[in-house]
């Protein structure tokens, strides 16, 4: 199937941007200039520019033209790997836990390249949080907001709202101080210091338009969605230990899942195709 002309033009311009023909902040040719060069009609060039903007390669300023955006580093979030990596660090010596944290591990950046902004406050449980934890709305919660950002461009890597029961986390007074962030060993080690082991984590994932504040913090262009991860961390007895609302920029993050599957075995009745379907692979065919 032949691709539309605007798509072919967008792909050509994207390749030229990635090859460095136009530097960051440099203006692309005016729409009329490209039409005069035979790139297509005004409608075609406009559609190509809109596609480049949606893909995060350019930014259009009304009345000022279209400019090349800073090319953002793609980030792969692999939940199974990242959570086990964090748990494996819990029992390491403090010096090793200080070496790096999840943001560095996930982005490949170094500690000096990241600003760690953390805000803590003690509040009564909002209705949704009270429902998730199964506690009265009068229960005190420690609400923590994290927004680590890249020092190179000032854009937040994510916006995270974390909720924990105050009486649980307060067993270690050091955990009530936002100045201790980034905590060596991450949240898994924080809970370890109050006698809690994280045994299971669930992620519920959705996408939506960003709020005005999120668009500003994450430096999102108009039309760029955010990926929302609702993360629930459970202890060994099944109790909810922490709930986090994690907002990720949709133009930078890719979520990667590796899901191991159990092999079929003769002892596994559910895996026996004959038992499941009535089909016997050894039986002779009938015509």
Protein backbone atom coordinates (compact mmCIF):
# COMPACT_ATOMS: atom_id res chain seq x y z
CA UNK A 1 0.00 0.00 0.00
CA UNK A 2 1.39 3.39 -1.02
CA UNK A 3 1.99 5.74 1.88
CA UNK A 4 0.42 9.19 1.61
CA UNK A 5 2.71 11.97 0.39
CA UNK A 6 2.64 13.84 3.72
CA UNK A 7 3.86 10.69 5.49
CA UNK A 8 6.72 10.22 3.05
CA UNK A 9 7.69 13.87 3.47
CA UNK A 10 7.54 13.60 7.28
CA UNK A 11 9.80 10.53 7.22
CA UNK A 12 12.29 12.30 4.94
CA UNK A 13 12.40 15.38 7.17
CA UNK A 14 12.70 13.23 10.30
CA UNK A 15 15.73 11.45 8.81
CA UNK A 16 17.36 14.79 7.96
CA UNK A 17 16.78 16.01 11.54
CA UNK A 18 18.27 12.86 13.05
CA UNK A 19 21.26 13.14 10.70
CA UNK A 20 21.95 16.62 12.06
CA UNK A 21 21.06 18.67 8.99
CA UNK A 22 19.16 21.02 11.29
CA UNK A 23 20.61 21.58 14.75
CA UNK A 24 18.63 21.83 17.96
CA UNK A 25 16.71 25.13 18.01
CA UNK A 26 17.19 25.74 14.29
CA UNK A 27 14.16 26.63 12.19
CA UNK A 28 12.97 24.28 9.47
CA UNK A 29 12.14 25.82 6.08
CA UNK A 30 8.91 27.79 5.89
CA UNK A 31 5.95 25.86 4.52
CA UNK A 32 5.77 27.98 1.36
CA UNK A 33 9.49 27.47 0.80
CA UNK A 34 9.05 23.69 0.76
CA UNK A 35 6.05 23.89 -1.55
CA UNK A 36 8.07 26.00 -3.99
CA UNK A 37 10.79 23.34 -3.87
CA UNK A 38 8.25 20.73 -4.98
CA UNK A 39 7.77 18.99 -1.61
CA UNK A 40 4.01 19.08 -2.06
CA UNK A 41 1.02 21.29 -1.49
CA UNK A 42 0.62 23.54 1.53
CA UNK A 43 -1.76 20.95 3.01
CA UNK A 44 0.84 18.18 2.51
CA UNK A 45 3.65 20.13 4.19
CA UNK A 46 1.40 21.20 7.06
CA UNK A 47 0.42 17.57 7.68
CA UNK A 48 4.08 16.50 7.62
CA UNK A 49 5.03 19.20 10.13
CA UNK A 50 2.15 18.19 12.40
CA UNK A 51 3.38 14.59 12.30
CA UNK A 52 6.91 15.69 13.26
CA UNK A 53 5.51 17.69 16.16
CA UNK A 54 3.44 14.73 17.36
CA UNK A 55 6.57 12.57 17.22
CA UNK A 56 8.44 15.08 19.39
CA UNK A 57 11.02 16.09 16.76
CA UNK A 58 9.93 19.70 16.28
CA UNK A 59 8.07 22.43 18.11
CA UNK A 60 5.88 24.97 16.33
CA UNK A 61 5.64 28.51 17.68
CA UNK A 62 2.71 30.38 16.19
CA UNK A 63 4.00 33.25 14.10
CA UNK A 64 7.64 32.18 14.51
CA UNK A 65 7.92 28.95 12.55
CA UNK A 66 8.85 25.34 13.30
CA UNK A 67 12.03 24.52 15.23
CA UNK A 68 13.98 21.36 15.96
CA UNK A 69 13.42 20.14 19.50
CA UNK A 70 16.08 18.72 21.75
CA UNK A 71 16.16 15.01 20.96
CA UNK A 72 15.10 13.29 24.16
CA UNK A 73 16.73 10.11 25.37
CA UNK A 74 14.33 7.16 25.07
CA UNK A 75 13.87 5.30 28.34
CA UNK A 76 12.87 1.65 28.66
CA UNK A 77 10.99 0.73 31.83
CA UNK A 78 11.15 -3.03 32.41
CA UNK A 79 9.13 -3.57 35.62
CA UNK A 80 10.18 -7.13 36.41
CA UNK A 81 13.87 -6.27 36.08
CA UNK A 82 13.71 -2.91 37.89
CA UNK A 83 11.78 -4.21 40.92
CA UNK A 84 13.98 -7.27 41.39
CA UNK A 85 17.10 -5.11 40.92
CA UNK A 86 15.88 -2.83 43.70
CA UNK A 87 15.02 -5.70 46.03
CA UNK A 88 18.39 -7.38 45.44
CA UNK A 89 20.11 -4.23 46.69
CA UNK A 90 18.38 -4.22 50.07
CA UNK A 91 21.01 -6.33 51.83
CA UNK A 92 24.02 -4.76 50.15
CA UNK A 93 26.45 -2.65 52.23
CA UNK A 94 25.44 1.01 52.47
CA UNK A 95 28.32 2.16 50.28
CA UNK A 96 27.12 -0.05 47.42
CA UNK A 97 23.52 1.08 47.90
CA UNK A 98 24.72 4.68 47.66
CA UNK A 99 26.28 4.04 44.26
CA UNK A 100 23.10 4.56 42.24
CA UNK A 101 19.32 4.47 42.41
CA UNK A 102 16.44 3.56 40.12
CA UNK A 103 16.58 6.79 38.03
CA UNK A 104 20.26 6.26 37.22
CA UNK A 105 19.80 2.52 36.65
CA UNK A 106 16.86 3.09 34.30
CA UNK A 107 18.08 6.12 32.35
CA UNK A 108 21.82 5.45 32.22
CA UNK A 109 22.45 8.92 33.65
CA UNK A 110 24.88 9.54 36.49
CA UNK A 111 23.95 11.01 39.89
CA UNK A 112 25.34 14.49 39.03
CA UNK A 113 23.15 14.59 35.88
CA UNK A 114 19.88 14.28 37.84
CA UNK A 115 18.08 16.69 40.15
CA UNK A 116 16.15 14.84 42.86
CA UNK A 117 13.15 16.90 43.97
CA UNK A 118 11.20 15.38 46.87
CA UNK A 119 8.31 16.86 48.84
CA UNK A 120 6.82 15.19 51.93
CA UNK A 121 3.69 16.00 53.91
CA UNK A 122 1.49 14.22 56.44
CA UNK A 123 -2.22 14.28 55.55
CA UNK A 124 -5.42 12.37 56.22
CA UNK A 125 -6.14 9.65 53.69
CA UNK A 126 -8.11 10.89 50.64
CA UNK A 127 -11.13 8.67 49.81
CA UNK A 128 -9.41 6.68 47.04
CA UNK A 129 -6.28 6.09 49.14
CA UNK A 130 -8.33 5.07 52.18
CA UNK A 131 -10.25 2.60 50.00
CA UNK A 132 -7.08 1.07 48.57
CA UNK A 133 -5.47 0.62 51.99
CA UNK A 134 -8.73 -0.42 53.66
CA UNK A 135 -8.37 2.23 56.38
CA UNK A 136 -10.61 5.07 57.66
CA UNK A 137 -10.27 8.44 55.93
CA UNK A 138 -8.99 9.86 59.23
CA UNK A 139 -5.87 7.68 58.97
CA UNK A 140 -2.66 9.68 58.76
CA UNK A 141 -0.67 9.06 55.59
CA UNK A 142 2.77 10.18 54.48
CA UNK A 143 2.31 11.64 51.00
CA UNK A 144 5.58 11.81 49.07
CA UNK A 145 5.98 13.49 45.68
CA UNK A 146 9.07 12.77 43.62
CA UNK A 147 9.96 14.49 40.36
CA UNK A 148 13.54 13.65 39.37
CA UNK A 149 14.65 15.71 36.38
CA UNK A 150 17.45 15.90 33.87
CA UNK A 151 19.82 18.78 34.62
CA UNK A 152 20.64 19.12 30.93
CA UNK A 153 17.16 20.30 29.92
CA UNK A 154 15.25 20.71 33.20
CA UNK A 155 12.48 18.31 32.13
CA UNK A 156 11.17 15.90 34.77
CA UNK A 157 11.77 12.22 34.05
CA UNK A 158 8.56 11.31 35.90
CA UNK A 159 6.12 12.59 38.49
CA UNK A 160 5.43 10.16 41.33
CA UNK A 161 2.88 10.47 44.14
CA UNK A 162 3.57 7.87 46.83
CA UNK A 163 1.29 7.03 49.78
CA UNK A 164 2.22 5.04 52.89
CA UNK A 165 0.55 4.70 56.28
CA UNK A 166 2.29 7.18 58.56
CA UNK A 167 2.35 4.93 61.61
CA UNK A 168 4.19 2.24 59.59
CA UNK A 169 6.84 4.45 58.01
CA UNK A 170 7.33 6.50 61.20
CA UNK A 171 8.97 3.51 62.87
CA UNK A 172 12.13 4.93 61.29
CA UNK A 173 12.07 8.73 61.84
CA UNK A 174 14.71 9.22 59.13
CA UNK A 175 12.11 8.19 56.54
CA UNK A 176 9.98 11.25 57.40
CA UNK A 177 12.66 13.64 56.13
CA UNK A 178 12.62 14.46 52.40
CA UNK A 179 16.24 15.53 52.73
CA UNK A 180 17.28 11.87 52.89
CA UNK A 181 16.34 11.39 49.23
CA UNK A 182 17.54 9.70 47.15
CA UNK A 183 17.51 7.02 49.83
CA UNK A 184 20.38 4.51 49.37
CA UNK A 185 18.71 1.32 48.24
CA UNK A 186 15.37 2.92 47.32
CA UNK A 187 11.95 2.25 48.78
CA UNK A 188 12.56 -1.48 49.19
CA UNK A 189 15.32 -0.71 51.67
CA UNK A 190 13.20 1.97 53.36
CA UNK A 191 10.56 -0.63 54.19
CA UNK A 192 13.26 -3.11 55.21
CA UNK A 193 14.32 -0.64 57.94
CA UNK A 194 10.81 -0.79 59.44
CA UNK A 195 10.59 -4.58 59.26
CA UNK A 196 8.56 -4.89 56.05
CA UNK A 197 9.53 -7.06 53.07
CA UNK A 198 7.93 -6.29 49.71
CA UNK A 199 6.73 -9.59 48.26
CA UNK A 200 4.62 -8.52 45.27
CA UNK A 201 4.09 -5.48 43.09
CA UNK A 202 1.25 -4.87 40.66
CA UNK A 203 1.23 -2.21 37.94
CA UNK A 204 -2.00 -0.97 36.38
CA UNK A 205 -1.22 0.99 33.22
CA UNK A 206 -3.28 3.53 31.30
CA UNK A 207 -2.79 6.66 29.20
CA UNK A 208 -4.44 10.08 29.29
CA UNK A 209 -3.83 13.73 28.41
CA UNK A 210 -1.53 15.47 30.90
CA UNK A 211 -2.69 18.10 33.35
CA UNK A 212 -1.32 21.61 32.83
CA UNK A 213 1.17 21.10 35.66
CA UNK A 214 2.32 17.72 34.31
CA UNK A 215 2.79 19.13 30.80
CA UNK A 216 4.98 21.89 32.23
CA UNK A 217 7.05 19.63 34.50
CA UNK A 218 7.58 16.98 31.82
CA UNK A 219 8.04 19.58 29.05
CA UNK A 220 5.43 18.00 26.80
CA UNK A 221 4.31 19.36 23.47
CA UNK A 222 0.57 19.80 22.85
CA UNK A 223 -1.08 16.49 21.99
CA UNK A 224 1.49 14.34 23.82
CA UNK A 225 -0.10 11.88 26.22
CA UNK A 226 1.24 10.63 29.53
CA UNK A 227 1.49 7.01 30.62
CA UNK A 228 0.08 6.43 34.11
CA UNK A 229 1.29 3.51 36.23
CA UNK A 230 -0.69 2.78 39.39
CA UNK A 231 1.79 0.77 41.42
CA UNK A 232 0.76 -1.25 44.47
CA UNK A 233 3.45 -2.82 46.68
CA UNK A 234 2.33 -5.64 48.99
CA UNK A 235 4.06 -7.18 52.01
CA UNK A 236 4.58 -10.87 52.70
CA UNK A 237 1.19 -11.16 54.44
CA UNK A 238 -0.66 -9.56 51.55
CA UNK A 239 -1.12 -6.10 53.08
CA UNK A 240 -0.80 -3.01 50.87
CA UNK A 241 2.39 -1.26 51.96
CA UNK A 242 2.70 1.54 49.40
CA UNK A 243 0.54 2.90 46.61
CA UNK A 244 2.11 5.12 43.95
CA UNK A 245 0.63 7.09 41.07
CA UNK A 246 3.45 7.34 38.51
CA UNK A 247 3.15 9.69 35.53
CA UNK A 248 5.59 9.15 32.65
CA UNK A 249 6.08 11.27 29.51
CA UNK A 250 4.61 9.36 26.59
CA UNK A 251 7.16 10.72 24.12
CA UNK A 252 10.12 9.18 25.98
CA UNK A 253 9.06 6.01 27.79
CA UNK A 254 8.68 2.48 26.48
CA UNK A 255 7.32 -0.22 28.79
CA UNK A 256 8.91 -3.63 28.36
CA UNK A 257 7.49 -6.82 29.90
CA UNK A 258 9.15 -10.20 29.98
CA UNK A 259 6.62 -12.85 30.96
CA UNK A 260 7.99 -16.36 31.57
CA UNK A 261 5.55 -19.15 30.78
CA UNK A 262 5.45 -22.52 32.50
CA UNK A 263 6.28 -25.46 30.22
CA UNK A 264 3.76 -28.13 29.41
CA UNK A 265 4.34 -31.27 31.46
CA UNK A 266 2.72 -34.68 31.57
CA UNK A 267 1.93 -34.07 35.25
CA UNK A 268 0.10 -30.84 34.46
CA UNK A 269 -3.45 -31.82 33.60
CA UNK A 270 -4.32 -28.33 32.38
CA UNK A 271 -1.42 -28.42 29.93
CA UNK A 272 -2.44 -31.79 28.39
CA UNK A 273 -3.94 -30.89 24.99
CA UNK A 274 -6.06 -34.08 24.95
CA UNK A 275 -7.60 -33.31 28.32
CA UNK A 276 -8.19 -29.67 27.42
CA UNK A 277 -9.62 -30.11 23.93
CA UNK A 278 -10.40 -33.79 23.46
CA UNK A 279 -7.75 -33.89 20.71
CA UNK A 280 -5.35 -36.86 20.78
CA UNK A 281 -2.23 -36.03 18.72
CA UNK A 282 -1.35 -39.78 18.54
CA UNK A 283 -4.72 -40.88 17.17
CA UNK A 284 -4.90 -41.78 13.41
CA UNK A 285 -6.62 -39.23 11.20
CA UNK A 286 -10.07 -40.04 9.89
CA UNK A 287 -11.35 -38.84 6.52
